[in-house]
């Protein structure tokens, strides 16, 4: 299902719904540009979310953007374990729903 060639079809999607794609691109650009939170940190957050959603396209795109924004492999590794800890924590806290008392 996942194939990098699918990303080439974004132009087709844009042609079929150009107004919505323009709005999406503007939103994406505004959300990820430098602001109160520096771009590097936003891209590390995007990597963490991409790892959580397990979207290979997003992982690759935001990994590259994070590195371009100055993120190191050590920071990417730490982000990976933040994701792992939060996902494990979610399982543990949801486990409380199984307990009677």
C-alpha atoms as a PDB file:
ATOM      1  CA  UNK A   1       0.000   0.000   0.000  1.00  0.00           C
ATOM      2  CA  UNK A   2       2.749   2.449   0.916  1.00  0.00           C
ATOM      3  CA  UNK A   3       4.886   3.412  -2.019  1.00  0.00           C
ATOM      4  CA  UNK A   4       6.914   6.591  -2.443  1.00  0.00           C
ATOM      5  CA  UNK A   5       5.523   6.859  -5.966  1.00  0.00           C
ATOM      6  CA  UNK A   6       2.129   7.662  -4.440  1.00  0.00           C
ATOM      7  CA  UNK A   7       3.527  11.035  -3.377  1.00  0.00           C
ATOM      8  CA  UNK A   8       3.810  11.908  -7.075  1.00  0.00           C
ATOM      9  CA  UNK A   9       0.007  11.721  -7.179  1.00  0.00           C
ATOM     10  CA  UNK A  10      -0.283  14.754  -4.884  1.00  0.00           C
ATOM     11  CA  UNK A  11      -0.305  16.916  -8.014  1.00  0.00           C
ATOM     12  CA  UNK A  12      -3.335  14.979  -9.281  1.00  0.00           C
ATOM     13  CA  UNK A  13      -5.063  15.435  -5.946  1.00  0.00           C
ATOM     14  CA  UNK A  14      -4.293  19.151  -6.129  1.00  0.00           C
ATOM     15  CA  UNK A  15      -5.739  19.427  -9.655  1.00  0.00           C
ATOM     16  CA  UNK A  16      -8.941  17.700  -8.534  1.00  0.00           C
ATOM     17  CA  UNK A  17      -9.364  19.934  -5.463  1.00  0.00           C
ATOM     18  CA  UNK A  18      -7.049  22.911  -5.845  1.00  0.00           C
ATOM     19  CA  UNK A  19      -8.789  25.241  -3.393  1.00  0.00           C
ATOM     20  CA  UNK A  20      -8.657  22.722  -0.565  1.00  0.00           C
ATOM     21  CA  UNK A  21      -5.045  21.776  -1.346  1.00  0.00           C
ATOM     22  CA  UNK A  22      -3.995  25.444  -1.378  1.00  0.00           C
ATOM     23  CA  UNK A  23      -5.624  25.922   2.014  1.00  0.00           C
ATOM     24  CA  UNK A  24      -3.959  22.785   3.367  1.00  0.00           C
ATOM     25  CA  UNK A  25      -0.518  23.847   2.112  1.00  0.00           C
ATOM     26  CA  UNK A  26      -0.891  27.307   3.654  1.00  0.00           C
ATOM     27  CA  UNK A  27      -2.019  25.804   6.971  1.00  0.00           C
ATOM     28  CA  UNK A  28       0.818  23.256   6.980  1.00  0.00           C
ATOM     29  CA  UNK A  29       3.391  25.958   6.212  1.00  0.00           C
ATOM     30  CA  UNK A  30       2.071  28.292   8.929  1.00  0.00           C
ATOM     31  CA  UNK A  31       1.887  25.515  11.521  1.00  0.00           C
ATOM     32  CA  UNK A  32       5.460  24.328  10.940  1.00  0.00           C
ATOM     33  CA  UNK A  33       7.317  27.619  10.440  1.00  0.00           C
ATOM     34  CA  UNK A  34       9.447  29.279  13.105  1.00  0.00           C
ATOM     35  CA  UNK A  35       7.379  30.942  15.781  1.00  0.00           C
ATOM     36  CA  UNK A  36       7.245  30.836  19.553  1.00  0.00           C
ATOM     37  CA  UNK A  37       8.338  27.234  19.073  1.00  0.00           C
ATOM     38  CA  UNK A  38      11.394  26.964  16.790  1.00  0.00           C
ATOM     39  CA  UNK A  39      10.994  24.991  13.544  1.00  0.00           C
ATOM     40  CA  UNK A  40      13.435  22.318  14.753  1.00  0.00           C
ATOM     41  CA  UNK A  41      11.225  21.523  17.743  1.00  0.00           C
ATOM     42  CA  UNK A  42       8.068  21.576  15.627  1.00  0.00           C
ATOM     43  CA  UNK A  43       9.637  19.069  13.253  1.00  0.00           C
ATOM     44  CA  UNK A  44      10.712  16.855  16.159  1.00  0.00           C
ATOM     45  CA  UNK A  45       7.097  16.960  17.365  1.00  0.00           C
ATOM     46  CA  UNK A  46       5.972  16.076  13.831  1.00  0.00           C
ATOM     47  CA  UNK A  47       8.374  13.117  13.803  1.00  0.00           C
ATOM     48  CA  UNK A  48       6.975  11.956  17.147  1.00  0.00           C
ATOM     49  CA  UNK A  49       3.402  12.175  15.879  1.00  0.00           C
ATOM     50  CA  UNK A  50       4.378  10.420  12.646  1.00  0.00           C
ATOM     51  CA  UNK A  51       5.951   7.589  14.639  1.00  0.00           C
ATOM     52  CA  UNK A  52       2.776   7.352  16.710  1.00  0.00           C
ATOM     53  CA  UNK A  53       0.483   7.261  13.668  1.00  0.00           C
ATOM     54  CA  UNK A  54       3.047   5.055  11.909  1.00  0.00           C
ATOM     55  CA  UNK A  55       2.722   6.938   8.623  1.00  0.00           C
ATOM     56  CA  UNK A  56       5.847   6.130   6.589  1.00  0.00           C
ATOM     57  CA  UNK A  57       5.349   9.176   4.359  1.00  0.00           C
ATOM     58  CA  UNK A  58       5.171  11.538   7.337  1.00  0.00           C
ATOM     59  CA  UNK A  59       8.084   9.836   9.078  1.00  0.00           C
ATOM     60  CA  UNK A  60      10.332  10.329   6.049  1.00  0.00           C
ATOM     61  CA  UNK A  61       9.168  13.874   5.243  1.00  0.00           C
ATOM     62  CA  UNK A  62       9.462  15.142   8.817  1.00  0.00           C
ATOM     63  CA  UNK A  63      12.718  13.291   9.496  1.00  0.00           C
ATOM     64  CA  UNK A  64      14.280  15.158   6.576  1.00  0.00           C
ATOM     65  CA  UNK A  65      12.713  18.463   7.648  1.00  0.00           C
ATOM     66  CA  UNK A  66      13.921  17.961  11.240  1.00  0.00           C
ATOM     67  CA  UNK A  67      17.480  17.291  10.076  1.00  0.00           C
ATOM     68  CA  UNK A  68      17.324  20.285   7.722  1.00  0.00           C
ATOM     69  CA  UNK A  69      16.181  22.384  10.706  1.00  0.00           C
ATOM     70  CA  UNK A  70      19.210  21.246  12.719  1.00  0.00           C
ATOM     71  CA  UNK A  71      17.989  18.154  14.576  1.00  0.00           C
ATOM     72  CA  UNK A  72      20.602  15.510  15.317  1.00  0.00           C
ATOM     73  CA  UNK A  73      20.258  11.750  15.182  1.00  0.00           C
ATOM     74  CA  UNK A  74      20.517  11.784  18.983  1.00  0.00           C
ATOM     75  CA  UNK A  75      17.467  14.070  19.159  1.00  0.00           C
ATOM     76  CA  UNK A  76      15.584  11.822  16.729  1.00  0.00           C
ATOM     77  CA  UNK A  77      16.510   8.806  18.877  1.00  0.00           C
ATOM     78  CA  UNK A  78      15.273  10.526  22.042  1.00  0.00           C
ATOM     79  CA  UNK A  79      12.038  11.526  20.283  1.00  0.00           C
ATOM     80  CA  UNK A  80      11.563   7.856  19.388  1.00  0.00           C
ATOM     81  CA  UNK A  81      11.724   6.839  23.041  1.00  0.00           C
ATOM     82  CA  UNK A  82       9.427   9.669  24.142  1.00  0.00           C
ATOM     83  CA  UNK A  83       6.874   8.205  21.717  1.00  0.00           C
ATOM     84  CA  UNK A  84       7.481   4.688  23.029  1.00  0.00           C
ATOM     85  CA  UNK A  85       7.081   5.828  26.650  1.00  0.00           C
ATOM     86  CA  UNK A  86       3.843   7.683  25.945  1.00  0.00           C
ATOM     87  CA  UNK A  87       2.335   4.817  23.982  1.00  0.00           C
ATOM     88  CA  UNK A  88       3.284   2.365  26.735  1.00  0.00           C
ATOM     89  CA  UNK A  89       1.891   4.763  29.337  1.00  0.00           C
ATOM     90  CA  UNK A  90      -1.382   4.889  27.434  1.00  0.00           C
ATOM     91  CA  UNK A  91      -1.649   1.111  27.550  1.00  0.00           C
ATOM     92  CA  UNK A  92      -0.882   1.036  31.271  1.00  0.00           C
ATOM     93  CA  UNK A  93      -3.360   3.777  32.195  1.00  0.00           C
ATOM     94  CA  UNK A  94      -6.054   2.241  30.007  1.00  0.00           C
ATOM     95  CA  UNK A  95      -5.360  -1.011  31.855  1.00  0.00           C
ATOM     96  CA  UNK A  96      -6.969   0.631  34.892  1.00  0.00           C
ATOM     97  CA  UNK A  97     -10.298   0.242  33.083  1.00  0.00           C
ATOM     98  CA  UNK A  98      -9.878  -3.509  33.497  1.00  0.00           C
ATOM     99  CA  UNK A  99      -9.616  -3.318  37.277  1.00  0.00           C
ATOM    100  CA  UNK A 100     -12.649  -3.615  39.531  1.00  0.00           C
ATOM    101  CA  UNK A 101     -11.099  -1.546  42.352  1.00  0.00           C
END
